Amino acid sequence: MTQAVTPALREGFDVLLLDLDGTVYQGLAAIPGAQEALAAGDQRQLYVTNNASRSPAEVADHLRDLGFAAADQDVVTSSQSAARLLAEKLDPGAVVLVVGTDALAAEVEHVGLRPVRRFEDAPVAVVQGHSPETGWAILAEATLAIRAGALWIAANVDSTLPTERGLVLGNGSMVAALRSATGREPIVAGKPAAPLMEDALRRADAARPLVVGDRLDTDIAGANAVGAPSLLVLTGVSTTADLLRADEMHRPTYVAESLDALNRPAAASAVVCHPGWRVEFVAGDLVVHSDEPGTAKDSAGRAGAFLSVLDAAWRHPEFVRVRGADDGARAALSFLVG
């Protein structure tokens, strides 16, 4: 008798909405195995990024240089969503002060608005996106405009940005400076706010999208904001410790160490109690038992242990600590939870 082949996780979806920083690449380098994992299926792939520092064409060029299949129209950026929001709220030709790169200014111009860099040009709005060149001078111009009543739109509010050197400050840290100086809150275009995800869904024309990312506070919260299932990969910002304490809005459908999970059965990454593991809630602790000898000896077994713990943690968010009841459980937890 021929044994049925279990379909891969990706086969349940028609479009993958992929984050970039921390998911596909870090800085200038591809995350190991990411290109091979994405190339293993034929679902459409859109790259959805909060980073507003580069144009879609520049991002697509970078992806192609790293070996990924990416057309310019496959890239959806928070700068495009921010520009759309501005165009919906302002009259054609309105003046917008840009805090960010020339790529962000080009998106503003593309929707029929006039980008400027000085308060003296009488801007009626401020748009703010990540730029490594942002300094006091342009933040001062933006402060004057916002305090004078200008509409303020932030491309994203990510406090950090993953790079090949580690986490560095992101656009959200610069937004925090203007928030402190003005007492105002911006309208946010990027994840976890809905506009960027809505733009990606429209462009994909997807019936069954899967959001894939590395951050609970942006990618996963953004997916939940539009009711889409999600996969969190542990290659970027969010950690196993973050997952254990995640509230309902920040909980992914699937969790995996890498993008290769797309090519394995969905059950392998599902947040449920996995075979060979048992988790009890005892006196405030999550107590983990390995019910089958050897379950902690390979990566699949250890992943099953963590996903089983995660399932219990979300059902018992009041838990104090996680502990193993036997050597197998302790070995698995030291690897995944630390």
Protein backbone atom coordinates (compact mmCIF):
# COMPACT_ATOMS: atom_id res chain seq x y z
CA MET A 1 0.00 0.00 0.00
CA THR A 2 1.33 3.45 -0.93
CA GLN A 3 1.72 5.69 2.09
CA ALA A 4 0.07 9.09 1.79
CA VAL A 5 2.47 12.03 1.60
CA THR A 6 1.75 14.73 4.16
CA PRO A 7 1.63 18.12 2.40
CA ALA A 8 4.06 20.83 3.39
CA LEU A 9 2.92 23.82 5.45
CA ARG A 10 3.16 26.13 2.43
CA GLU A 11 0.74 23.98 0.41
CA GLY A 12 -2.18 25.27 2.45
CA PHE A 13 -1.62 28.81 1.17
CA ASP A 14 -1.57 30.58 -2.19
CA VAL A 15 0.63 33.56 -1.22
CA LEU A 16 3.49 34.01 1.25
CA LEU A 17 3.72 37.54 2.67
CA LEU A 18 7.35 37.62 3.77
CA ASP A 19 9.04 40.06 6.08
CA LEU A 20 12.63 40.94 5.12
CA ASP A 21 14.90 42.12 7.97
CA GLY A 22 15.46 39.17 10.29
CA THR A 23 13.38 36.79 8.15
CA VAL A 24 14.97 36.69 4.69
CA TYR A 25 18.17 38.65 5.33
CA GLN A 26 20.09 40.52 7.98
CA GLY A 27 21.73 43.65 6.65
CA LEU A 28 23.50 42.77 3.40
CA ALA A 29 23.59 39.01 3.94
CA ALA A 30 20.91 36.38 3.35
CA ILE A 31 19.92 34.30 6.36
CA PRO A 32 21.47 30.85 5.83
CA GLY A 33 19.07 28.49 4.08
CA ALA A 34 16.42 31.15 3.40
CA GLN A 35 16.84 31.24 -0.38
CA GLU A 36 16.73 27.45 -0.69
CA ALA A 37 13.68 27.20 1.57
CA LEU A 38 11.67 29.77 -0.40
CA ALA A 39 12.68 28.30 -3.78
CA ALA A 40 11.27 24.88 -2.88
CA GLY A 41 7.64 25.77 -3.70
CA ASP A 42 5.62 27.62 -6.31
CA GLN A 43 3.41 29.85 -4.17
CA ARG A 44 3.54 33.53 -5.03
CA GLN A 45 5.86 35.44 -2.72
CA LEU A 46 5.50 39.09 -1.76
CA TYR A 47 8.12 40.81 0.36
CA VAL A 48 6.43 43.09 2.89
CA THR A 49 8.78 45.35 4.79
CA ASN A 50 8.44 48.03 7.44
CA ASN A 51 11.78 49.47 6.37
CA ALA A 52 11.13 52.65 4.37
CA SER A 53 14.75 53.48 3.61
CA ARG A 54 14.89 51.99 0.08
CA SER A 55 12.63 51.95 -2.95
CA PRO A 56 10.88 48.72 -3.97
CA ALA A 57 13.22 48.48 -6.97
CA GLU A 58 16.30 48.79 -4.74
CA VAL A 59 14.97 46.13 -2.39
CA ALA A 60 14.17 43.80 -5.31
CA ASP A 61 17.69 44.33 -6.71
CA HIS A 62 19.15 43.38 -3.33
CA LEU A 63 17.00 40.26 -3.15
CA ARG A 64 17.99 39.18 -6.65
CA ASP A 65 21.67 39.74 -5.80
CA LEU A 66 21.21 37.33 -2.89
CA GLY A 67 19.61 34.72 -5.15
CA PHE A 68 15.92 35.27 -4.36
CA ALA A 69 13.27 35.43 -7.06
CA ALA A 70 11.83 38.95 -6.77
CA ALA A 71 10.31 41.36 -9.26
CA ASP A 72 10.00 45.03 -8.34
CA GLN A 73 6.23 44.67 -7.96
CA ASP A 74 6.74 41.82 -5.47
CA VAL A 75 8.05 44.30 -2.87
CA VAL A 76 5.55 46.17 -0.67
CA THR A 77 7.05 48.82 1.60
CA SER A 78 5.79 50.94 4.45
CA SER A 79 6.87 54.02 2.48
CA GLN A 80 4.28 53.15 -0.19
CA SER A 81 1.58 52.72 2.45
CA ALA A 82 2.57 55.95 4.17
CA ALA A 83 2.36 57.81 0.86
CA ARG A 84 -1.08 56.29 0.18
CA LEU A 85 -2.33 57.48 3.57
CA LEU A 86 -1.01 60.99 2.88
CA ALA A 87 -2.70 61.08 -0.53
CA GLU A 88 -6.01 60.03 1.01
CA LYS A 89 -5.86 62.77 3.64
CA LEU A 90 -4.33 65.71 1.73
CA ASP A 91 -5.18 67.76 -1.35
CA PRO A 92 -3.14 67.14 -4.53
CA GLY A 93 0.12 69.08 -4.49
CA ALA A 94 0.14 69.49 -0.70
CA VAL A 95 3.53 70.06 0.91
CA VAL A 96 4.95 67.21 3.02
CA LEU A 97 8.09 67.42 5.15
CA VAL A 98 10.06 64.19 4.75
CA VAL A 99 12.13 62.72 7.57
CA GLY A 100 13.85 59.84 5.80
CA THR A 101 15.60 58.88 2.59
CA ASP A 102 15.16 60.14 -0.95
CA ALA A 103 13.29 56.89 -1.64
CA LEU A 104 10.59 57.93 0.83
CA ALA A 105 10.47 61.40 -0.75
CA ALA A 106 10.03 59.76 -4.17
CA GLU A 107 6.99 57.82 -2.93
CA VAL A 108 5.47 61.08 -1.66
CA GLU A 109 6.06 62.70 -5.04
CA HIS A 110 4.66 59.63 -6.83
CA VAL A 111 1.22 60.16 -5.23
CA GLY A 112 1.07 63.80 -6.34
CA LEU A 113 2.38 65.56 -3.23
CA ARG A 114 5.40 67.87 -2.86
CA PRO A 115 8.21 66.63 -0.59
CA VAL A 116 10.30 69.23 1.28
CA ARG A 117 12.92 69.21 4.03
CA ARG A 118 12.32 72.57 5.76
CA PHE A 119 9.64 73.95 8.04
CA GLU A 120 9.94 77.28 6.17
CA ASP A 121 8.29 75.60 3.15
CA ALA A 122 5.01 75.45 5.12
CA PRO A 123 4.39 71.69 5.19
CA VAL A 124 0.91 70.53 6.10
CA ALA A 125 2.15 67.03 6.93
CA VAL A 126 5.24 65.17 8.13
CA VAL A 127 6.14 61.65 7.01
CA GLN A 128 8.85 59.78 8.88
CA GLY A 129 10.74 56.66 7.81
CA HIS A 130 14.05 55.02 8.65
CA SER A 131 17.24 56.59 7.40
CA PRO A 132 20.76 56.04 8.79
CA GLU A 133 21.36 59.74 8.09
CA THR A 134 18.57 61.07 10.31
CA GLY A 135 19.95 63.63 12.76
CA TRP A 136 18.98 66.52 15.00
CA ALA A 137 18.55 69.06 12.20
CA ILE A 138 15.76 67.26 10.31
CA LEU A 139 14.10 66.16 13.56
CA ALA A 140 14.03 69.81 14.60
CA GLU A 141 12.30 70.76 11.32
CA ALA A 142 9.73 68.02 11.90
CA THR A 143 9.20 69.10 15.51
CA LEU A 144 8.36 72.63 14.37
CA ALA A 145 5.91 71.36 11.75
CA ILE A 146 4.13 68.91 14.06
CA ARG A 147 3.87 71.46 16.86
CA ALA A 148 2.35 73.85 14.30
CA GLY A 149 -0.41 71.29 13.57
CA ALA A 150 0.95 69.26 10.65
CA LEU A 151 -0.44 65.77 10.09
CA TRP A 152 2.18 63.21 11.19
CA ILE A 153 2.52 59.78 9.60
CA ALA A 154 5.21 57.28 10.60
CA ALA A 155 6.19 54.55 8.16
CA ASN A 156 6.73 52.25 11.15
CA VAL A 157 7.49 52.30 14.86
CA ASP A 158 10.03 49.44 15.09
CA SER A 159 12.29 50.39 17.99
CA THR A 160 15.12 48.23 16.65
CA LEU A 161 16.44 47.02 13.31
CA PRO A 162 18.28 43.68 12.91
CA THR A 163 21.62 43.88 11.08
CA GLU A 164 24.53 41.52 10.54
CA ARG A 165 26.17 43.23 13.57
CA GLY A 166 23.13 42.81 15.83
CA LEU A 167 20.16 44.99 16.77
CA VAL A 168 20.48 48.73 16.18
CA LEU A 169 17.99 51.53 16.70
CA GLY A 170 15.10 51.62 14.25
CA ASN A 171 12.62 54.21 13.05
CA GLY A 172 10.51 53.81 16.18
CA SER A 173 13.37 55.16 18.29
CA MET A 174 13.41 58.31 16.14
CA VAL A 175 9.61 58.51 16.32
CA ALA A 176 9.96 58.38 20.11
CA ALA A 177 12.15 61.50 19.98
CA LEU A 178 9.48 63.45 18.07
CA ARG A 179 6.75 62.08 20.33
CA SER A 180 8.68 63.39 23.33
CA ALA A 181 9.28 66.77 21.71
CA THR A 182 5.72 67.33 20.48
CA GLY A 183 3.37 65.40 22.77
CA ARG A 184 1.72 64.02 19.64
CA GLU A 185 1.13 60.50 18.32
CA PRO A 186 1.65 59.64 14.64
CA ILE A 187 -0.62 57.67 12.36
CA VAL A 188 1.33 54.48 11.66
CA ALA A 189 1.43 52.93 8.19
CA GLY A 190 3.55 49.85 8.81
CA LYS A 191 3.10 46.66 10.80
CA PRO A 192 1.46 46.11 13.27
CA ALA A 193 -0.94 48.76 11.99
CA ALA A 194 -3.21 47.49 9.24
CA PRO A 195 -2.42 49.76 6.21
CA LEU A 196 0.73 47.94 5.03
CA MET A 197 -0.82 44.48 5.44
CA GLU A 198 -3.98 45.64 3.66
CA ASP A 199 -1.90 46.97 0.76
CA ALA A 200 -0.03 43.66 0.53
CA LEU A 201 -3.24 41.64 0.56
CA ARG A 202 -4.72 43.81 -2.20
CA ARG A 203 -1.62 43.45 -4.36
CA ALA A 204 -1.48 39.69 -3.79
CA ASP A 205 -5.18 39.20 -4.48
CA ALA A 206 -4.79 36.27 -2.11
CA ALA A 207 -7.47 33.84 -1.02
CA ARG A 208 -5.23 32.01 1.47
CA PRO A 209 -2.26 34.19 2.55
CA LEU A 210 0.37 33.21 5.13
CA VAL A 211 2.29 36.01 6.87
CA VAL A 212 5.90 35.07 7.70
CA GLY A 213 8.13 37.13 9.97
CA ASP A 214 10.51 37.30 12.91
CA ARG A 215 8.83 39.87 15.17
CA LEU A 216 5.82 39.33 17.39
CA ASP A 217 5.18 43.05 17.81
CA THR A 218 5.07 43.85 14.08
CA ASP A 219 4.78 40.84 11.76
CA ILE A 220 2.57 38.66 13.94
CA ALA A 221 0.50 41.48 15.40
CA GLY A 222 0.08 42.80 11.86
CA ALA A 223 -1.15 39.42 10.65
CA ASN A 224 -3.60 39.19 13.52
CA ALA A 225 -4.82 42.73 12.80
CA VAL A 226 -6.06 41.58 9.37
CA GLY A 227 -7.09 38.08 10.43
CA ALA A 228 -4.33 36.21 8.54
CA PRO A 229 -2.52 33.07 9.78
CA SER A 230 1.18 33.51 10.51
CA LEU A 231 4.53 31.77 10.92
CA LEU A 232 7.15 33.19 13.29
CA VAL A 233 10.75 32.20 12.52
CA LEU A 234 13.40 32.45 15.24
CA THR A 235 16.05 33.99 12.98
CA GLY A 236 15.58 37.62 13.94
CA VAL A 237 14.27 39.67 16.84
CA SER A 238 11.70 37.68 18.82
CA THR A 239 12.88 34.83 21.04
CA THR A 240 11.43 31.74 22.70
CA ALA A 241 11.17 33.73 25.94
CA ASP A 242 9.12 36.41 24.13
CA LEU A 243 6.82 33.73 22.75
CA LEU A 244 6.14 32.20 26.16
CA ARG A 245 4.81 35.52 27.48
CA ALA A 246 3.05 36.67 24.29
CA ASP A 247 -0.47 37.99 24.70
CA GLU A 248 -3.26 36.97 22.34
CA MET A 249 -2.62 39.73 19.78
CA HIS A 250 1.02 38.67 19.45
CA ARG A 251 0.58 34.91 19.08
CA PRO A 252 1.48 33.26 15.74
CA THR A 253 -0.27 30.25 14.24
CA TYR A 254 3.03 28.44 13.65
CA VAL A 255 6.53 28.71 15.15
CA ALA A 256 9.80 27.37 13.72
CA GLU A 257 13.54 27.85 13.88
CA SER A 258 13.81 28.77 10.19
CA LEU A 259 12.02 29.21 6.88
CA ASP A 260 12.59 25.55 6.07
CA ALA A 261 9.46 24.90 8.15
CA LEU A 262 7.50 25.96 5.04
CA ASN A 263 8.58 22.70 3.42
CA ARG A 264 7.72 20.44 6.35
CA PRO A 265 4.24 19.33 7.48
CA ALA A 266 2.18 22.07 9.10
CA ALA A 267 1.74 19.92 12.22
CA ALA A 268 5.50 20.09 12.88
CA SER A 269 5.26 23.85 13.56
CA ALA A 270 1.78 24.05 15.10
CA VAL A 271 1.42 25.39 18.64
CA VAL A 272 -0.11 22.26 20.15
CA CYS A 273 1.04 19.48 22.47
CA HIS A 274 3.30 17.26 20.34
CA PRO A 275 3.66 13.47 20.49
CA GLY A 276 6.14 12.30 23.11
CA TRP A 277 5.62 15.29 25.39
CA ARG A 278 3.27 16.09 28.23
CA VAL A 279 3.02 19.42 30.08
CA GLU A 280 1.25 19.79 33.42
CA PHE A 281 0.39 23.00 35.27
CA VAL A 282 1.42 22.35 38.86
CA ALA A 283 1.51 24.99 41.61
CA GLY A 284 2.23 27.75 39.13
CA ASP A 285 4.87 25.82 37.16
CA LEU A 286 4.72 24.24 33.72
CA VAL A 287 6.18 20.79 34.32
CA VAL A 288 7.39 19.01 31.17
CA HIS A 289 7.56 15.23 30.80
CA SER A 290 9.21 13.31 27.94
CA ASP A 291 6.93 10.29 27.54
CA GLU A 292 9.03 8.47 24.93
CA PRO A 293 12.73 7.59 25.24
CA GLY A 294 14.90 9.62 22.89
CA THR A 295 12.35 12.33 22.06
CA ALA A 296 14.84 15.08 22.96
CA LYS A 297 17.72 13.71 20.89
CA ASP A 298 16.96 15.47 17.60
CA SER A 299 15.89 18.95 16.59
CA ALA A 300 12.36 17.83 15.72
CA GLY A 301 11.94 16.35 19.18
CA ARG A 302 13.26 19.47 20.88
CA ALA A 303 11.01 21.66 18.74
CA GLY A 304 8.07 19.48 19.75
CA ALA A 305 8.98 20.03 23.38
CA PHE A 306 9.02 23.79 23.01
CA LEU A 307 5.78 23.92 21.04
CA SER A 308 4.13 21.75 23.68
CA VAL A 309 5.34 24.12 26.39
CA LEU A 310 4.17 27.11 24.35
CA ASP A 311 0.70 25.62 23.99
CA ALA A 312 0.52 25.20 27.78
CA ALA A 313 1.96 28.67 28.45
CA TRP A 314 -0.72 30.32 26.35
CA ARG A 315 -3.41 28.36 28.20
CA HIS A 316 -1.85 29.26 31.56
CA PRO A 317 -0.36 32.76 31.11
CA GLU A 318 -0.07 33.08 34.88
CA PHE A 319 2.70 30.43 35.00
CA VAL A 320 5.83 31.31 36.99
CA ARG A 321 8.48 29.04 35.44
CA VAL A 322 9.07 26.06 33.15
CA ARG A 323 10.85 22.97 34.48
CA GLY A 324 11.61 19.51 33.21
CA ALA A 325 10.43 16.45 35.15
CA ASP A 326 13.09 14.13 33.69
CA ASP A 327 16.44 14.20 31.93
CA GLY A 328 14.93 14.21 28.44
CA ALA A 329 12.69 17.17 29.22
CA ARG A 330 15.51 19.10 30.87
CA ALA A 331 17.76 18.53 27.87
CA ALA A 332 15.12 19.78 25.45
CA LEU A 333 14.28 22.85 27.49
CA SER A 334 17.92 23.87 27.98
CA PHE A 335 18.26 23.91 24.17
CA LEU A 336 15.10 25.85 23.33
CA VAL A 337 14.23 27.97 26.32
CA GLY A 338 17.61 28.40 27.94
